Amino acid sequence: MALLAAFLLLGKTGEPTMTAEERRIASALSQIQGAGEVRVTLYYTESGGAFASAQRQITGALAVARGAGSAAVRLRLTQAMETLLGLSPGSVLVLEMEDTP
């Protein structure tokens, strides 16, 4: 699972890539006590009919955080993302960030 999260958060060069919105959310989440460094990936679907302009709606979120090894930190991060993004509990995944040498 951690490998999947790392793959989703890395660009072709191996450098982390986040949109401005993802960086803003990650910055807010990193302020939660114990969270440490946080990376966020948001998942979207497009909605709108033939006569409406397509709008992107957030349908899921993944956060990888240094402090997510703690169940309490993972819970706080999950609750914050659910509240901030208006997502259901099954649409948010929080994983512990792998330590890099």
C-alpha atoms as a PDB file:
ATOM      1  CA  MET A   1       0.000   0.000   0.000  1.00  0.00           C
ATOM      2  CA  ALA A   2       2.832   2.413   0.841  1.00  0.00           C
ATOM      3  CA  LEU A   3       4.414   1.673  -2.536  1.00  0.00           C
ATOM      4  CA  LEU A   4       1.142   2.548  -4.270  1.00  0.00           C
ATOM      5  CA  ALA A   5       0.957   5.805  -2.330  1.00  0.00           C
ATOM      6  CA  ALA A   6       4.541   6.676  -3.242  1.00  0.00           C
ATOM      7  CA  PHE A   7       3.843   5.935  -6.912  1.00  0.00           C
ATOM      8  CA  LEU A   8       0.749   8.133  -6.898  1.00  0.00           C
ATOM      9  CA  LEU A   9       2.583  11.044  -5.292  1.00  0.00           C
ATOM     10  CA  LEU A  10       5.680  10.987  -7.508  1.00  0.00           C
ATOM     11  CA  GLY A  11       6.062  12.399 -10.979  1.00  0.00           C
ATOM     12  CA  LYS A  12       8.075  10.832 -13.776  1.00  0.00           C
ATOM     13  CA  THR A  13      11.304  12.259 -12.392  1.00  0.00           C
ATOM     14  CA  GLY A  14      10.709  10.791  -8.939  1.00  0.00           C
ATOM     15  CA  GLU A  15      10.143  14.256  -7.501  1.00  0.00           C
ATOM     16  CA  PRO A  16       6.936  14.865  -5.562  1.00  0.00           C
ATOM     17  CA  THR A  17       4.348  16.754  -7.591  1.00  0.00           C
ATOM     18  CA  MET A  18       1.279  18.410  -6.122  1.00  0.00           C
ATOM     19  CA  THR A  19      -1.136  20.967  -7.507  1.00  0.00           C
ATOM     20  CA  ALA A  20      -1.479  24.335  -5.803  1.00  0.00           C
ATOM     21  CA  GLU A  21      -4.670  23.090  -4.112  1.00  0.00           C
ATOM     22  CA  GLU A  22      -2.947  19.921  -2.898  1.00  0.00           C
ATOM     23  CA  ARG A  23      -0.014  21.978  -1.558  1.00  0.00           C
ATOM     24  CA  ARG A  24      -2.436  24.275   0.298  1.00  0.00           C
ATOM     25  CA  ILE A  25      -4.200  21.288   1.891  1.00  0.00           C
ATOM     26  CA  ALA A  26      -0.913  19.563   2.735  1.00  0.00           C
ATOM     27  CA  SER A  27       0.319  22.759   4.382  1.00  0.00           C
ATOM     28  CA  ALA A  28      -2.795  22.941   6.549  1.00  0.00           C
ATOM     29  CA  LEU A  29      -2.619  19.252   7.473  1.00  0.00           C
ATOM     30  CA  SER A  30       1.058  19.498   8.408  1.00  0.00           C
ATOM     31  CA  GLN A  31       0.035  21.922  11.166  1.00  0.00           C
ATOM     32  CA  ILE A  32      -1.853  19.131  12.972  1.00  0.00           C
ATOM     33  CA  GLN A  33       0.113  18.031  16.027  1.00  0.00           C
ATOM     34  CA  GLY A  34       2.277  15.022  15.212  1.00  0.00           C
ATOM     35  CA  ALA A  35       1.556  15.014  11.468  1.00  0.00           C
ATOM     36  CA  GLY A  36       4.944  16.242  10.294  1.00  0.00           C
ATOM     37  CA  GLU A  37       5.521  16.420   6.542  1.00  0.00           C
ATOM     38  CA  VAL A  38       2.359  15.720   4.517  1.00  0.00           C
ATOM     39  CA  ARG A  39       1.785  15.058   0.808  1.00  0.00           C
ATOM     40  CA  VAL A  40      -1.723  15.069  -0.676  1.00  0.00           C
ATOM     41  CA  THR A  41      -3.251  13.709  -3.873  1.00  0.00           C
ATOM     42  CA  LEU A  42      -6.848  14.541  -4.786  1.00  0.00           C
ATOM     43  CA  TYR A  43      -9.026  12.483  -7.119  1.00  0.00           C
ATOM     44  CA  TYR A  44     -11.692  14.117  -9.287  1.00  0.00           C
ATOM     45  CA  THR A  45     -14.641  13.225 -11.477  1.00  0.00           C
ATOM     46  CA  GLU A  46     -16.167  15.563 -14.022  1.00  0.00           C
ATOM     47  CA  SER A  47     -19.839  16.362 -13.779  1.00  0.00           C
ATOM     48  CA  GLY A  48     -22.175  18.289 -16.022  1.00  0.00           C
ATOM     49  CA  GLY A  49     -24.531  17.469 -18.831  1.00  0.00           C
ATOM     50  CA  ALA A  50     -24.580  18.328 -22.489  1.00  0.00           C
ATOM     51  CA  PHE A  51     -25.758  21.875 -21.782  1.00  0.00           C
ATOM     52  CA  ALA A  52     -23.686  22.520 -18.668  1.00  0.00           C
ATOM     53  CA  SER A  53     -19.999  23.167 -18.496  1.00  0.00           C
ATOM     54  CA  ALA A  54     -18.044  20.277 -17.016  1.00  0.00           C
ATOM     55  CA  GLN A  55     -17.042  20.808 -13.418  1.00  0.00           C
ATOM     56  CA  ARG A  56     -14.486  18.814 -11.493  1.00  0.00           C
ATOM     57  CA  GLN A  57     -15.657  17.417  -8.189  1.00  0.00           C
ATOM     58  CA  ILE A  58     -13.311  15.937  -5.579  1.00  0.00           C
ATOM     59  CA  THR A  59     -14.309  12.314  -5.002  1.00  0.00           C
ATOM     60  CA  GLY A  60     -11.327  11.010  -3.049  1.00  0.00           C
ATOM     61  CA  ALA A  61      -8.144  11.995  -1.271  1.00  0.00           C
ATOM     62  CA  LEU A  62      -4.877  10.360  -0.278  1.00  0.00           C
ATOM     63  CA  ALA A  63      -2.523  11.824   2.323  1.00  0.00           C
ATOM     64  CA  VAL A  64       0.897  10.435   3.154  1.00  0.00           C
ATOM     65  CA  ALA A  65       2.281  11.858   6.391  1.00  0.00           C
ATOM     66  CA  ARG A  66       5.410  11.261   8.467  1.00  0.00           C
ATOM     67  CA  GLY A  67       3.377  11.033  11.666  1.00  0.00           C
ATOM     68  CA  ALA A  68       0.648   8.757  10.314  1.00  0.00           C
ATOM     69  CA  GLY A  69       2.209   5.753  12.070  1.00  0.00           C
ATOM     70  CA  SER A  70       0.275   6.949  15.109  1.00  0.00           C
ATOM     71  CA  ALA A  71      -3.395   5.920  15.034  1.00  0.00           C
ATOM     72  CA  ALA A  72      -4.366   9.183  16.768  1.00  0.00           C
ATOM     73  CA  VAL A  73      -2.572  11.304  14.151  1.00  0.00           C
ATOM     74  CA  ARG A  74      -4.047   9.218  11.320  1.00  0.00           C
ATOM     75  CA  LEU A  75      -7.538   9.742  12.762  1.00  0.00           C
ATOM     76  CA  ARG A  76      -7.046  13.520  13.099  1.00  0.00           C
ATOM     77  CA  LEU A  77      -5.726  13.769   9.525  1.00  0.00           C
ATOM     78  CA  THR A  78      -8.601  11.669   8.186  1.00  0.00           C
ATOM     79  CA  GLN A  79     -11.216  13.738  10.025  1.00  0.00           C
ATOM     80  CA  ALA A  80      -9.616  16.993   8.884  1.00  0.00           C
ATOM     81  CA  MET A  81      -9.624  15.883   5.234  1.00  0.00           C
ATOM     82  CA  GLU A  82     -13.222  14.639   5.434  1.00  0.00           C
ATOM     83  CA  THR A  83     -14.336  17.969   6.894  1.00  0.00           C
ATOM     84  CA  LEU A  84     -12.215  20.190   4.670  1.00  0.00           C
ATOM     85  CA  LEU A  85     -13.121  18.408   1.441  1.00  0.00           C
ATOM     86  CA  GLY A  86     -16.666  17.285   2.309  1.00  0.00           C
ATOM     87  CA  LEU A  87     -15.800  13.631   1.689  1.00  0.00           C
ATOM     88  CA  SER A  88     -17.202  10.473   3.240  1.00  0.00           C
ATOM     89  CA  PRO A  89     -14.901   8.357   5.446  1.00  0.00           C
ATOM     90  CA  GLY A  90     -14.481   5.731   2.726  1.00  0.00           C
ATOM     91  CA  SER A  91     -13.145   8.339   0.308  1.00  0.00           C
ATOM     92  CA  VAL A  92     -10.102   9.332   2.376  1.00  0.00           C
ATOM     93  CA  LEU A  93      -6.938   7.286   2.896  1.00  0.00           C
ATOM     94  CA  VAL A  94      -4.083   8.352   5.183  1.00  0.00           C
ATOM     95  CA  LEU A  95      -0.815   6.390   5.141  1.00  0.00           C
ATOM     96  CA  GLU A  96       2.518   6.697   6.910  1.00  0.00           C
ATOM     97  CA  MET A  97       5.323   8.252   4.871  1.00  0.00           C
ATOM     98  CA  GLU A  98       8.347   6.047   4.307  1.00  0.00           C
ATOM     99  CA  ASP A  99      11.572   7.255   5.885  1.00  0.00           C
ATOM    100  CA  THR A 100      14.161   8.178   3.278  1.00  0.00           C
ATOM    101  CA  PRO A 101      17.883   7.889   3.997  1.00  0.00           C
END
